[in-house]
Structure formats: structure tokens, C-alpha cells
Amino acid sequence: MILQGGEQFFFQGGRHGVLLVHGFTGSPAEMLLLGHYLHEQGYTVLGVRLAGHGTTPEDMARMSREDWYDSVCDGYSLLACCCSKISIVGQSMGGLLSLKLAANAAVHSAAVLGAPIFIHEDKKLYRLPPRDKCQGRYQPKRRRQISDVPDICNASYGEMPLLAVHELLNLIEDVKKELPRVSCPLLVMQSHNDHTVRERSADYIYRRAGSSAKKLYWLDRSGHLLALDCQRQEVFEQVGGFLLSFA
């Protein structure tokens, strides 16, 4: 059963499609407001649901990073049925998956919001047990509930499977190797106030990506969820302006 806020969303627009990818333990609805904004700009928008998300943490524990990437590829294929070009925007882990797709498919342009290469010390990853000790183990995951957005936009799991954390860390290593093959125009956005992802993640992505047209944009007040937080309108306008400049 899919939870409220866990459903994929699709807004039919023009021939330029935008694939929106949510983050780790999150849901498509965390990209919903950005999706509405881009649809108003004339884009066809698909907010994809990553495998194991929007249902139960037990479902997520059974999924791998390949399953998450397959969800993104499925979304790309769906958009390709009605769009002549496809761009991708990903939040957090969704940003990593967006970079992976950009390295391996015909992506017109890509934007990544708070994509993790280096995890903040506040997350205490040094406490993560070895993978063979993580089966059936879950860790409470506190995520700030943003008050001035629809309730479904805050939909996420209250705990995370420790096996999935290992998959996330492996995905980071995969993406680091593939960054030089990202050649499409790239927007990298990061907040100085992010306590999930270290600031040098954005610098690393910007420097290592093979794109000749790329932009690094910093925010100063938002937390980790750039598409929902207090500077979201600025994020929407930056993403929309970036997509338009390479339309």
C-alpha cells in the first residue's frame, strides 16, 4: 500500500519533460511544489517514486541502489514517450541518482539540490555497524517538519533501514566514479546551513563533473530540503531559469 504523498505525480505540458527525484526515505511529494512551478512554466513533469519508498521501511530494506536507479530509468522511459527532450532535478540522494542518469543517458540538463558526497558529522556515521550486522535493524530518523507546506510534502519514513544506509554510501562511491562522464549542462545547489550534507559536497560535484556548462549556486538560510525550505521560491526560480537557458 502506498502512503499518502508516496504516489508518483504527472503533469502534462510541453515537449520538454522534467523528471523530479526525491531523497533517501522521502517521497515524491517533497518535490511536488517544484513540480507545480515547473508545470506552470510549460514543462511536462513526472515526480518518480523510488523503489521501497512511500510504503514501509521494511520494503526499503529489501531494495538496493540498483533498484532505486531502475526507478529513475523507468521514469525517464515514461517521459520519453511524450517528450522530445528530458531534464532531471534531484533532491539529496535523488541528486546522486540524477547524476548517474546524466552520465548514462541522453539528459538535456540536470540540477542537483543538496546532493551528498560527504555526510555531515551530525549524522554520526561512525556508529553505523558493518553491513553483515545490519539485517533487520532500523534507526529512528528525525526529519524537520516544514510547517508552511501541505502536509503530504513532509511525508517520509520515521526510521531508516541500516542496510539502506550502506546502499546509499555505495551509491555515493558509484557516482564519484561517474561524475567525469556527466556532460550535460549542470546546476549544483547547496545551502551553507545544511546539517545533513557537508558543504564540500557541492564543490566536489562541481569540480569533478565533466560538463562544460555548469553553475554552482549557494543558499544561506535553507536546511537540507531545498525544494521545501524557507528559500524554496528562490530555488524554483533558479532551477526554472537554468532549464530555460538551455531549452
Foldseek 3Di string as FASTA:
>chain_A
DFAQLADKDKDDFDQEAEEEEEEDQAHLLLCVVLQVLVVVVGHIYIRWHQFQHRPALVRVLVDFPVSRLVRVVVVVVVSVVRHPAYAYEYAALGLLSNLVCLLPHRHQEYEYALHALDWACVVVCVPQDPLVVQVPDKAADDDDDDDPDPNSSGDGDRIHRSNVVVRSNVSSVVSLVRQLSRAHEYEYEYEPQERTHDPCRSVSSQVRHNYPHYYYYYHYPFYRSCCPTPCNVVVSVVVSVSVVVSD
